[in-house]
Amino acid sequence: MNPTGALELIVTMICDIYIMIVVARFILQLVRADFYNPVSQFIVKATSPVLNPLRRIVPGFGGLDVASIALFMLLVFLKLCIWLMLKGYGLALIPSLDFLILFMRSMANTIINFFTFCIFIMVILSWVSQGSYNPMADIMRQVTEPIMAPARKIIPPMGGLDLSPMVVILLLMVIKEFFLLSGTP
């Protein structure tokens, strides 16, 4: 039995899900996705109780929602602190440079995982709901289009088959391996 491992899994999963929702909020604003989409509405309602008070402290800058970025960084920091405590490390025992590197790697890993997940969902929904309107597919397309468009220029759809998602996912996996992000919490 490994109750600590189970607790670690539950805590990191709960943290990761909310962190992904916060990342989605920032990305949706960045790509100017449809605000009235039901998925967008869920994301806004799930993040507003935390973001609205934070916006009083952290204002936007240059059209960017800096409060979403700050919340993302704060949540990753808290997740890492909890993860280190569950692993039996005290925060005072971790050198600050090592923690900063772990923090940066965790943020990069989260963003790469977010885009990988969105691409997978987009591909699956394109198989299931082809030709019909699906709010989730619409949002996934809007979110992934900025990283999929360059891949489509290199490898255009052939005979109705779009191979660009495979290329982008492969590139994201290579980036994760190159920067040793795969095992990062």
C-alpha atoms as a PDB file:
ATOM      1  CA  MET A   1       0.000   0.000   0.000  1.00  0.00           C
ATOM      2  CA  ASN A   2       1.159   3.491  -0.807  1.00  0.00           C
ATOM      3  CA  PRO A   3      -1.237   6.010   0.771  1.00  0.00           C
ATOM      4  CA  THR A   4       1.244   8.872   0.318  1.00  0.00           C
ATOM      5  CA  GLY A   5       1.508   8.125  -3.408  1.00  0.00           C
ATOM      6  CA  ALA A   6      -2.283   8.040  -3.717  1.00  0.00           C
ATOM      7  CA  LEU A   7      -2.587  11.342  -1.850  1.00  0.00           C
ATOM      8  CA  GLU A   8       0.131  12.830  -4.055  1.00  0.00           C
ATOM      9  CA  LEU A   9      -1.746  11.701  -7.179  1.00  0.00           C
ATOM     10  CA  ILE A  10      -5.058  13.147  -5.976  1.00  0.00           C
ATOM     11  CA  VAL A  11      -3.544  16.484  -4.961  1.00  0.00           C
ATOM     12  CA  THR A  12      -1.540  16.925  -8.156  1.00  0.00           C
ATOM     13  CA  MET A  13      -4.514  15.946 -10.333  1.00  0.00           C
ATOM     14  CA  ILE A  14      -6.821  18.454  -8.619  1.00  0.00           C
ATOM     15  CA  CYS A  15      -4.169  21.164  -8.873  1.00  0.00           C
ATOM     16  CA  ASP A  16      -3.403  20.315 -12.507  1.00  0.00           C
ATOM     17  CA  ILE A  17      -7.062  20.429 -13.539  1.00  0.00           C
ATOM     18  CA  TYR A  18      -7.579  23.896 -12.075  1.00  0.00           C
ATOM     19  CA  ILE A  19      -4.242  25.111 -13.424  1.00  0.00           C
ATOM     20  CA  MET A  20      -5.282  23.924 -16.900  1.00  0.00           C
ATOM     21  CA  ILE A  21      -8.559  25.851 -16.550  1.00  0.00           C
ATOM     22  CA  VAL A  22      -6.588  28.998 -15.656  1.00  0.00           C
ATOM     23  CA  VAL A  23      -4.251  28.445 -18.633  1.00  0.00           C
ATOM     24  CA  ALA A  24      -7.320  27.964 -20.829  1.00  0.00           C
ATOM     25  CA  ARG A  25      -8.714  31.284 -19.584  1.00  0.00           C
ATOM     26  CA  PHE A  26      -5.528  33.096 -20.550  1.00  0.00           C
ATOM     27  CA  ILE A  27      -5.212  31.348 -23.930  1.00  0.00           C
ATOM     28  CA  LEU A  28      -8.888  31.961 -24.774  1.00  0.00           C
ATOM     29  CA  GLN A  29      -8.378  35.678 -24.168  1.00  0.00           C
ATOM     30  CA  LEU A  30      -5.115  35.647 -26.100  1.00  0.00           C
ATOM     31  CA  VAL A  31      -6.637  34.045 -29.229  1.00  0.00           C
ATOM     32  CA  ARG A  32      -9.868  36.057 -28.829  1.00  0.00           C
ATOM     33  CA  ALA A  33     -12.012  32.952 -28.746  1.00  0.00           C
ATOM     34  CA  ASP A  34     -15.791  33.069 -28.737  1.00  0.00           C
ATOM     35  CA  PHE A  35     -16.791  34.359 -25.304  1.00  0.00           C
ATOM     36  CA  TYR A  36     -20.371  33.120 -25.645  1.00  0.00           C
ATOM     37  CA  ASN A  37     -19.368  29.505 -26.260  1.00  0.00           C
ATOM     38  CA  PRO A  38     -20.627  27.278 -23.385  1.00  0.00           C
ATOM     39  CA  VAL A  39     -17.104  25.960 -22.778  1.00  0.00           C
ATOM     40  CA  SER A  40     -15.770  29.531 -22.537  1.00  0.00           C
ATOM     41  CA  GLN A  41     -18.571  30.389 -20.137  1.00  0.00           C
ATOM     42  CA  PHE A  42     -17.647  27.442 -17.910  1.00  0.00           C
ATOM     43  CA  ILE A  43     -13.993  28.505 -17.865  1.00  0.00           C
ATOM     44  CA  VAL A  44     -14.905  32.100 -17.034  1.00  0.00           C
ATOM     45  CA  LYS A  45     -17.246  31.027 -14.222  1.00  0.00           C
ATOM     46  CA  ALA A  46     -14.680  28.599 -12.801  1.00  0.00           C
ATOM     47  CA  THR A  47     -11.901  31.189 -12.683  1.00  0.00           C
ATOM     48  CA  SER A  48     -13.767  34.429 -11.908  1.00  0.00           C
ATOM     49  CA  PRO A  49     -14.041  33.942  -8.113  1.00  0.00           C
ATOM     50  CA  VAL A  50     -10.238  33.895  -7.884  1.00  0.00           C
ATOM     51  CA  LEU A  51      -9.333  36.178 -10.791  1.00  0.00           C
ATOM     52  CA  ASN A  52     -11.701  39.076 -10.105  1.00  0.00           C
ATOM     53  CA  PRO A  53     -10.197  39.947  -6.677  1.00  0.00           C
ATOM     54  CA  LEU A  54      -6.696  39.353  -8.077  1.00  0.00           C
ATOM     55  CA  ARG A  55      -7.343  41.848 -10.886  1.00  0.00           C
ATOM     56  CA  ARG A  56      -7.677  44.612  -8.274  1.00  0.00           C
ATOM     57  CA  ILE A  57      -4.079  43.922  -7.276  1.00  0.00           C
ATOM     58  CA  VAL A  58      -2.603  42.888 -10.649  1.00  0.00           C
ATOM     59  CA  PRO A  59      -3.894  45.038 -13.510  1.00  0.00           C
ATOM     60  CA  GLY A  60      -3.726  44.071 -17.171  1.00  0.00           C
ATOM     61  CA  PHE A  61      -0.890  45.316 -19.328  1.00  0.00           C
ATOM     62  CA  GLY A  62      -0.885  45.836 -23.095  1.00  0.00           C
ATOM     63  CA  GLY A  63      -4.076  43.846 -23.610  1.00  0.00           C
ATOM     64  CA  LEU A  64      -2.727  40.852 -21.668  1.00  0.00           C
ATOM     65  CA  ASP A  65      -4.534  39.450 -18.665  1.00  0.00           C
ATOM     66  CA  VAL A  66      -1.594  39.619 -16.272  1.00  0.00           C
ATOM     67  CA  ALA A  67      -3.790  38.442 -13.394  1.00  0.00           C
ATOM     68  CA  SER A  68      -4.317  35.093 -15.179  1.00  0.00           C
ATOM     69  CA  ILE A  69      -0.562  34.717 -15.607  1.00  0.00           C
ATOM     70  CA  ALA A  70       0.016  35.614 -11.964  1.00  0.00           C
ATOM     71  CA  LEU A  71      -2.635  33.105 -10.852  1.00  0.00           C
ATOM     72  CA  PHE A  72      -1.077  30.435 -13.061  1.00  0.00           C
ATOM     73  CA  MET A  73       2.346  31.058 -11.523  1.00  0.00           C
ATOM     74  CA  LEU A  74       0.924  31.123  -7.985  1.00  0.00           C
ATOM     75  CA  LEU A  75      -0.940  27.855  -8.488  1.00  0.00           C
ATOM     76  CA  VAL A  76       2.121  26.117  -9.936  1.00  0.00           C
ATOM     77  CA  PHE A  77       4.163  27.418  -6.986  1.00  0.00           C
ATOM     78  CA  LEU A  78       1.609  26.109  -4.482  1.00  0.00           C
ATOM     79  CA  LYS A  79       1.360  22.762  -6.280  1.00  0.00           C
ATOM     80  CA  LEU A  80       5.139  22.361  -6.140  1.00  0.00           C
ATOM     81  CA  CYS A  81       5.240  23.283  -2.454  1.00  0.00           C
ATOM     82  CA  ILE A  82       2.563  20.705  -1.654  1.00  0.00           C
ATOM     83  CA  TRP A  83       4.271  18.114  -3.883  1.00  0.00           C
ATOM     84  CA  LEU A  84       7.635  18.663  -2.162  1.00  0.00           C
ATOM     85  CA  MET A  85       6.035  18.384   1.284  1.00  0.00           C
ATOM     86  CA  LEU A  86       4.300  15.139   0.311  1.00  0.00           C
ATOM     87  CA  LYS A  87       7.648  13.830  -0.948  1.00  0.00           C
ATOM     88  CA  GLY A  88       9.143  14.574   2.466  1.00  0.00           C
ATOM     89  CA  TYR A  89      11.248  17.568   1.478  1.00  0.00           C
ATOM     90  CA  GLY A  90      11.107  20.744   3.462  1.00  0.00           C
ATOM     91  CA  LEU A  91      11.080  23.924   1.442  1.00  0.00           C
ATOM     92  CA  ALA A  92      14.069  25.175   3.424  1.00  0.00           C
ATOM     93  CA  LEU A  93      16.072  22.115   2.291  1.00  0.00           C
ATOM     94  CA  ILE A  94      15.597  22.870  -1.421  1.00  0.00           C
ATOM     95  CA  PRO A  95      18.128  25.398  -2.750  1.00  0.00           C
ATOM     96  CA  SER A  96      16.325  28.387  -4.233  1.00  0.00           C
ATOM     97  CA  LEU A  97      17.966  27.969  -7.659  1.00  0.00           C
ATOM     98  CA  ASP A  98      16.884  24.319  -7.824  1.00  0.00           C
ATOM     99  CA  PHE A  99      13.343  25.303  -6.842  1.00  0.00           C
ATOM    100  CA  LEU A 100      13.323  28.077  -9.459  1.00  0.00           C
ATOM    101  CA  ILE A 101      14.417  25.609 -12.161  1.00  0.00           C
ATOM    102  CA  LEU A 102      11.762  23.101 -11.030  1.00  0.00           C
ATOM    103  CA  PHE A 103       9.192  25.915 -11.047  1.00  0.00           C
ATOM    104  CA  MET A 104      10.089  26.994 -14.603  1.00  0.00           C
ATOM    105  CA  ARG A 105      10.123  23.385 -15.831  1.00  0.00           C
ATOM    106  CA  SER A 106       6.732  22.745 -14.232  1.00  0.00           C
ATOM    107  CA  MET A 107       5.194  25.808 -15.898  1.00  0.00           C
ATOM    108  CA  ALA A 108       6.622  24.821 -19.306  1.00  0.00           C
ATOM    109  CA  ASN A 109       5.445  21.229 -18.834  1.00  0.00           C
ATOM    110  CA  THR A 110       1.947  22.432 -17.953  1.00  0.00           C
ATOM    111  CA  ILE A 111       1.674  24.630 -21.049  1.00  0.00           C
ATOM    112  CA  ILE A 112       2.964  21.871 -23.346  1.00  0.00           C
ATOM    113  CA  ASN A 113       0.562  19.374 -21.749  1.00  0.00           C
ATOM    114  CA  PHE A 114      -2.294  21.846 -22.234  1.00  0.00           C
ATOM    115  CA  PHE A 115      -1.662  22.176 -25.964  1.00  0.00           C
ATOM    116  CA  THR A 116      -1.083  18.433 -26.388  1.00  0.00           C
ATOM    117  CA  PHE A 117      -4.375  17.705 -24.622  1.00  0.00           C
ATOM    118  CA  CYS A 118      -6.234  20.289 -26.730  1.00  0.00           C
ATOM    119  CA  ILE A 119      -4.863  18.814 -29.958  1.00  0.00           C
ATOM    120  CA  PHE A 120      -5.856  15.278 -28.899  1.00  0.00           C
ATOM    121  CA  ILE A 121      -9.358  16.460 -28.016  1.00  0.00           C
ATOM    122  CA  MET A 122      -9.618  18.358 -31.313  1.00  0.00           C
ATOM    123  CA  VAL A 123      -8.589  15.280 -33.309  1.00  0.00           C
ATOM    124  CA  ILE A 124     -10.989  12.967 -31.474  1.00  0.00           C
ATOM    125  CA  LEU A 125     -13.868  15.423 -31.854  1.00  0.00           C
ATOM    126  CA  SER A 126     -13.108  15.775 -35.569  1.00  0.00           C
ATOM    127  CA  TRP A 127     -13.672  12.017 -35.912  1.00  0.00           C
ATOM    128  CA  VAL A 128     -16.814  11.900 -33.785  1.00  0.00           C
ATOM    129  CA  SER A 129     -18.709  15.068 -34.676  1.00  0.00           C
ATOM    130  CA  GLN A 130     -17.612  15.657 -38.224  1.00  0.00           C
ATOM    131  CA  GLY A 131     -19.842  18.109 -40.069  1.00  0.00           C
ATOM    132  CA  SER A 132     -21.913  19.154 -37.046  1.00  0.00           C
ATOM    133  CA  TYR A 133     -21.465  22.033 -34.621  1.00  0.00           C
ATOM    134  CA  ASN A 134     -19.808  21.108 -31.371  1.00  0.00           C
ATOM    135  CA  PRO A 135     -18.915  23.906 -28.893  1.00  0.00           C
ATOM    136  CA  MET A 136     -15.927  21.957 -27.540  1.00  0.00           C
ATOM    137  CA  ALA A 137     -14.541  21.336 -31.039  1.00  0.00           C
ATOM    138  CA  ASP A 138     -14.996  25.005 -31.896  1.00  0.00           C
ATOM    139  CA  ILE A 139     -13.034  26.147 -28.835  1.00  0.00           C
ATOM    140  CA  MET A 140     -10.310  23.536 -29.391  1.00  0.00           C
ATOM    141  CA  ARG A 141      -9.915  24.707 -32.971  1.00  0.00           C
ATOM    142  CA  GLN A 142      -9.643  28.343 -31.855  1.00  0.00           C
ATOM    143  CA  VAL A 143      -7.086  27.492 -29.163  1.00  0.00           C
ATOM    144  CA  THR A 144      -4.891  25.232 -31.291  1.00  0.00           C
ATOM    145  CA  GLU A 145      -5.032  27.148 -34.564  1.00  0.00           C
ATOM    146  CA  PRO A 146      -2.064  29.447 -33.749  1.00  0.00           C
ATOM    147  CA  ILE A 147       0.243  26.421 -33.359  1.00  0.00           C
ATOM    148  CA  MET A 148      -1.424  24.268 -36.012  1.00  0.00           C
ATOM    149  CA  ALA A 149      -1.389  26.845 -38.839  1.00  0.00           C
ATOM    150  CA  PRO A 150       2.425  26.825 -39.307  1.00  0.00           C
ATOM    151  CA  ALA A 151       2.384  23.009 -39.420  1.00  0.00           C
ATOM    152  CA  ARG A 152      -0.393  23.063 -42.036  1.00  0.00           C
ATOM    153  CA  LYS A 153       1.737  25.336 -44.214  1.00  0.00           C
ATOM    154  CA  ILE A 154       4.531  22.751 -44.158  1.00  0.00           C
ATOM    155  CA  ILE A 155       2.270  19.685 -44.458  1.00  0.00           C
ATOM    156  CA  PRO A 156      -1.067  20.599 -46.059  1.00  0.00           C
ATOM    157  CA  PRO A 157      -4.025  18.205 -45.719  1.00  0.00           C
ATOM    158  CA  MET A 158      -3.710  15.331 -48.195  1.00  0.00           C
ATOM    159  CA  GLY A 159      -6.820  13.634 -49.501  1.00  0.00           C
ATOM    160  CA  GLY A 160      -8.930  14.840 -46.584  1.00  0.00           C
ATOM    161  CA  LEU A 161      -6.370  13.651 -44.019  1.00  0.00           C
ATOM    162  CA  ASP A 162      -4.679  16.322 -41.916  1.00  0.00           C
ATOM    163  CA  LEU A 163      -1.334  15.093 -40.576  1.00  0.00           C
ATOM    164  CA  SER A 164      -0.395  18.405 -38.957  1.00  0.00           C
ATOM    165  CA  PRO A 165      -1.696  17.386 -35.476  1.00  0.00           C
ATOM    166  CA  MET A 166       0.733  14.451 -35.477  1.00  0.00           C
ATOM    167  CA  VAL A 167       3.603  16.758 -36.461  1.00  0.00           C
ATOM    168  CA  VAL A 168       2.754  19.304 -33.765  1.00  0.00           C
ATOM    169  CA  ILE A 169       2.344  16.643 -31.061  1.00  0.00           C
ATOM    170  CA  LEU A 170       5.647  15.070 -32.092  1.00  0.00           C
ATOM    171  CA  LEU A 171       7.323  18.483 -31.913  1.00  0.00           C
ATOM    172  CA  LEU A 172       5.838  19.109 -28.457  1.00  0.00           C
ATOM    173  CA  MET A 173       7.089  15.695 -27.285  1.00  0.00           C
ATOM    174  CA  VAL A 174      10.573  16.449 -28.651  1.00  0.00           C
ATOM    175  CA  ILE A 175      10.592  19.774 -26.787  1.00  0.00           C
ATOM    176  CA  LYS A 176       9.578  17.987 -23.568  1.00  0.00           C
ATOM    177  CA  GLU A 177      12.367  15.435 -23.969  1.00  0.00           C
ATOM    178  CA  PHE A 178      14.972  18.000 -25.013  1.00  0.00           C
ATOM    179  CA  PHE A 179      14.341  20.117 -21.914  1.00  0.00           C
ATOM    180  CA  LEU A 180      13.802  17.092 -19.632  1.00  0.00           C
ATOM    181  CA  LEU A 181      10.227  18.058 -18.801  1.00  0.00           C
ATOM    182  CA  SER A 182       8.634  14.591 -18.934  1.00  0.00           C
ATOM    183  CA  GLY A 183       8.878  13.719 -15.243  1.00  0.00           C
ATOM    184  CA  THR A 184       8.247  17.219 -13.963  1.00  0.00           C
ATOM    185  CA  PRO A 185       5.267  17.638 -11.602  1.00  0.00           C
END
